[in-house]
Protein backbone atom coordinates (compact mmCIF):
# COMPACT_ATOMS: atom_id res chain seq x y z
CA MET A 1 -2.10 -21.50 -67.33
CA MET A 2 -5.56 -19.49 -66.47
CA VAL A 3 -5.80 -22.14 -63.07
CA PHE A 4 -2.06 -21.11 -61.90
CA ILE A 5 -3.00 -17.80 -62.13
CA THR A 6 -5.93 -17.77 -60.06
CA HIS A 7 -4.45 -20.34 -57.53
CA PHE A 8 -1.66 -17.85 -57.23
CA PHE A 9 -3.89 -14.75 -56.43
CA GLN A 10 -6.25 -16.91 -54.71
CA LYS A 11 -3.19 -17.42 -52.24
CA ARG A 12 -1.53 -14.29 -52.13
CA ASN A 13 -5.26 -13.12 -50.95
CA TRP A 14 -5.16 -15.32 -47.87
CA GLN A 15 -1.64 -14.56 -47.02
CA HIS A 16 -2.76 -10.74 -47.09
CA LEU A 17 -5.97 -11.59 -45.41
CA VAL A 18 -4.11 -13.45 -42.53
CA ALA A 19 -1.28 -10.61 -42.44
CA THR A 20 -3.95 -8.12 -42.10
CA LEU A 21 -6.06 -9.39 -39.11
CA LEU A 22 -2.58 -10.50 -37.32
CA LEU A 23 -2.13 -6.73 -37.67
CA LEU A 24 -5.47 -6.03 -36.05
CA CYS A 25 -4.65 -8.18 -33.72
CA THR A 26 -1.87 -6.66 -32.39
CA PHE A 27 -3.54 -3.18 -32.59
CA TYR A 28 -6.29 -3.98 -30.45
CA VAL A 29 -4.29 -5.94 -27.57
CA HIS A 30 -1.92 -3.24 -27.39
CA ALA A 31 -4.66 -0.05 -27.67
CA GLY A 32 -6.10 1.50 -24.56
CA SER A 33 -9.75 1.45 -23.87
CA ILE A 34 -12.15 2.56 -21.09
CA LYS A 35 -15.59 0.52 -21.05
CA THR A 36 -18.93 0.85 -19.26
CA LEU A 37 -19.61 -1.95 -17.12
CA LYS A 38 -22.49 -0.52 -15.10
CA SER A 39 -24.04 2.94 -14.32
CA ASP A 40 -26.58 3.29 -11.74
CA VAL A 41 -28.85 6.15 -10.02
CA GLU A 42 -29.94 6.16 -6.71
CA PHE A 43 -32.72 8.38 -4.70
CA SER A 44 -32.87 8.92 -1.36
CA SER A 45 -33.73 11.77 1.36
CA ASN A 46 -33.37 14.23 -1.47
CA ARG A 47 -29.81 12.91 -2.50
CA ILE A 48 -28.95 11.68 -5.89
CA GLU A 49 -26.16 9.59 -5.64
CA LEU A 50 -24.51 7.89 -8.97
CA SER A 51 -22.10 4.54 -8.87
CA ALA A 52 -20.77 2.84 -11.88
CA ARG A 53 -18.01 0.76 -12.81
CA TYR A 54 -15.92 0.38 -15.95
CA THR A 55 -12.90 -1.39 -17.32
CA VAL A 56 -9.67 0.64 -18.21
CA VAL A 57 -7.19 -0.73 -19.95
CA LEU A 58 -3.80 1.99 -21.01
CA SER A 59 -2.20 1.31 -24.05
CA PRO A 60 2.21 1.15 -23.85
CA GLU A 61 2.27 4.59 -24.69
CA ILE A 62 0.35 5.90 -21.91
CA GLU A 63 2.04 3.19 -19.30
CA THR A 64 5.92 4.59 -20.26
CA ALA A 65 4.54 7.97 -19.71
CA LEU A 66 3.10 7.29 -16.11
CA LYS A 67 6.32 5.10 -15.04
CA ASN A 68 7.96 8.21 -16.45
CA GLY A 69 6.69 10.69 -13.82
CA LEU A 70 3.11 11.71 -15.75
CA SER A 71 0.50 12.20 -13.40
CA LEU A 72 -2.65 10.78 -15.29
CA PRO A 73 -6.16 12.93 -14.62
CA PHE A 74 -9.02 10.53 -15.20
CA THR A 75 -12.46 12.74 -14.79
CA TYR A 76 -15.97 11.44 -14.10
CA ASP A 77 -18.73 13.67 -15.71
CA PHE A 78 -22.51 14.10 -14.85
CA LYS A 79 -25.25 15.86 -17.24
CA LEU A 80 -28.41 16.33 -16.42
CA THR A 81 -30.78 15.77 -19.22
CA ARG A 82 -34.10 16.26 -17.70
CA PRO A 83 -36.19 18.01 -16.53
CA LEU A 84 -34.86 20.83 -18.88
CA ILE A 85 -37.40 22.95 -17.32
CA TYR A 86 -36.07 22.70 -13.90
CA SER A 87 -32.77 23.26 -14.64
CA TRP A 88 -32.89 25.98 -16.77
CA TYR A 89 -35.50 27.88 -14.26
CA ARG A 90 -33.03 27.06 -11.12
CA SER A 91 -30.14 28.18 -13.47
CA MET A 92 -31.55 31.38 -13.59
CA ALA A 93 -32.67 31.91 -10.54
CA ASP A 94 -29.99 30.75 -7.83
CA GLY A 95 -27.26 29.64 -10.33
CA PHE A 96 -27.66 25.82 -10.26
CA THR A 97 -25.72 23.90 -12.57
CA PRO A 98 -27.07 20.40 -14.07
CA ASN A 99 -23.37 18.96 -14.33
CA ALA A 100 -21.03 17.91 -12.18
CA SER A 101 -17.33 16.22 -12.52
CA ILE A 102 -14.80 14.49 -10.23
CA THR A 103 -11.23 14.05 -10.74
CA TYR A 104 -9.19 11.27 -9.87
CA ARG A 105 -5.43 11.52 -10.66
CA LEU A 106 -2.95 8.52 -11.08
CA SER A 107 0.60 8.75 -10.34
CA TYR A 108 3.95 6.18 -9.91
CA GLN A 109 6.15 6.57 -6.88
CA PRO A 110 9.11 5.31 -8.14
CA LEU A 111 11.18 5.04 -4.64
CA THR A 112 8.32 3.31 -3.28
CA ARG A 113 7.40 1.25 -7.13
CA GLN A 114 3.81 1.85 -5.90
CA TYR A 115 0.71 3.61 -7.69
CA ARG A 116 -1.17 6.64 -6.23
CA LEU A 117 -4.67 7.28 -6.62
CA ASN A 118 -5.48 11.06 -5.77
CA THR A 119 -8.41 12.96 -5.39
CA ASN A 120 -9.60 15.94 -3.26
CA GLY A 121 -6.26 15.51 -1.10
CA LEU A 122 -7.34 11.72 -0.57
CA SER A 123 -4.86 9.17 -1.77
CA ARG A 124 -4.36 5.40 -1.90
CA ASN A 125 -1.26 3.53 -2.86
CA PHE A 126 -1.76 0.02 -4.68
CA ASN A 127 1.12 -2.52 -5.02
CA THR A 128 0.01 -2.90 -9.03
CA ALA A 129 -1.23 -0.87 -11.95
CA GLU A 130 -3.69 -3.51 -12.22
CA GLU A 131 -4.72 -2.75 -8.53
CA ALA A 132 -5.04 0.92 -9.15
CA LEU A 133 -6.75 0.90 -12.10
CA LEU A 134 -9.59 -1.50 -11.10
CA ALA A 135 -10.17 1.20 -8.02
CA LEU A 136 -10.05 4.02 -9.99
CA ALA A 137 -12.65 2.07 -12.37
CA ILE A 138 -15.15 1.83 -9.65
CA LEU A 139 -17.44 5.10 -8.90
CA LYS A 140 -19.48 4.48 -5.55
CA ASN A 141 -22.27 6.98 -3.60
CA TRP A 142 -20.90 10.09 -5.90
CA SER A 143 -23.24 12.61 -4.71
CA VAL A 144 -24.57 15.48 -7.28
CA LEU A 145 -27.14 18.39 -7.73
CA ASP A 146 -27.12 18.81 -3.77
CA GLY A 147 -30.22 20.85 -2.90
CA SER A 148 -32.21 19.46 -6.12
CA ASN A 149 -35.84 18.50 -5.67
CA ILE A 150 -36.11 15.93 -8.85
CA SER A 151 -38.48 13.02 -8.46
CA PRO A 152 -36.86 9.64 -9.56
CA GLU A 153 -40.05 9.37 -12.02
CA ASP A 154 -38.68 13.16 -13.71
CA PHE A 155 -35.40 12.45 -13.57
CA ALA A 156 -32.39 11.69 -16.36
CA GLY A 157 -29.05 11.82 -16.76
CA LYS A 158 -25.57 10.74 -18.39
CA ILE A 159 -22.60 9.56 -17.39
CA ARG A 160 -18.74 9.34 -18.57
CA PHE A 161 -15.70 8.36 -17.71
CA ARG A 162 -12.29 9.60 -19.44
CA LEU A 163 -8.62 10.71 -19.49
CA ASP A 164 -8.85 13.95 -19.21
CA HIS A 165 -6.97 16.21 -21.79
CA THR A 166 -7.22 19.24 -20.52
CA GLN A 167 -5.68 18.73 -17.41
CA LEU A 168 -2.82 16.92 -18.94
CA PRO A 169 0.73 19.32 -18.83
CA LYS A 170 0.46 21.51 -22.28
CA SER A 171 3.67 19.02 -24.37
CA TYR A 172 1.12 16.05 -23.41
CA GLN A 173 -2.06 17.94 -24.31
CA LEU A 174 -0.42 18.14 -28.01
CA THR A 175 0.47 14.91 -27.98
CA ALA A 176 -2.80 13.78 -27.37
CA LEU A 177 -4.62 15.70 -29.87
CA GLY A 178 -4.31 13.16 -32.63
CA ASP A 179 -2.99 10.08 -31.14
CA ALA A 180 -5.24 7.20 -30.90
CA ASP A 181 -3.44 5.79 -28.08
CA TRP A 182 -4.67 8.59 -25.79
CA GLN A 183 -7.84 8.63 -26.74
CA LEU A 184 -9.55 7.15 -23.21
CA ASP A 185 -13.46 7.93 -23.17
CA SER A 186 -16.47 5.71 -22.09
CA GLY A 187 -18.73 7.68 -23.95
CA TRP A 188 -21.80 9.38 -22.36
CA GLN A 189 -23.91 6.28 -20.97
CA GLU A 190 -27.56 6.56 -19.72
CA LEU A 191 -28.07 6.61 -16.25
CA GLN A 192 -30.32 3.33 -15.28
CA ARG A 193 -32.69 3.50 -11.77
CA SER A 194 -30.68 0.87 -9.58
CA THR A 195 -32.07 -2.22 -8.02
CA PRO A 196 -30.73 -4.50 -5.28
CA SER A 197 -28.69 -6.52 -7.84
CA ALA A 198 -26.89 -3.73 -10.11
CA ALA A 199 -26.14 -2.20 -6.46
CA GLU A 200 -24.32 -5.45 -5.33
CA ALA A 201 -22.68 -5.57 -8.38
CA ILE A 202 -20.95 -2.19 -8.22
CA GLN A 203 -19.51 -3.08 -4.72
């Protein structure tokens, strides 16, 4: 009798474990995400330029909203973390800000069945969502801290890429507030000095 009970529970535990793993696999297949592949900084002629590459996966819920006419705002954020004294002095002297951001809007055009990527009044069209997301996830030669004279040796900064909830319509802001499907954020990543191989990988 004891052997039978032990075998029964072991079998039930094994089935429960398999079911749990299948549910987890289903969750991760359908969950959206943004993951960092590269985040580099280059210095030339007193200019600081950022380049980065990410992978972007939309959850089915976000894909549906996009197809139904929602424009998705994705924002790149930059934060200067060193030199802090320079940043503080410049901000007091002439309103210098150590932060910067740039937003791209991804939308779907039902009449042409194309996806559109727009920023600063410039737009590009794509035949598939995959092509649009690939272009969206590549940042090249973004100039920040114009007019600064920070030397490469003194510089440190971070970058992140995210679905910007603050720029969504109010109704969707409430939806995204506690919904894991809408939490698309790479998290802050330290910028690395660009090398020839890293620069080629961004292209």
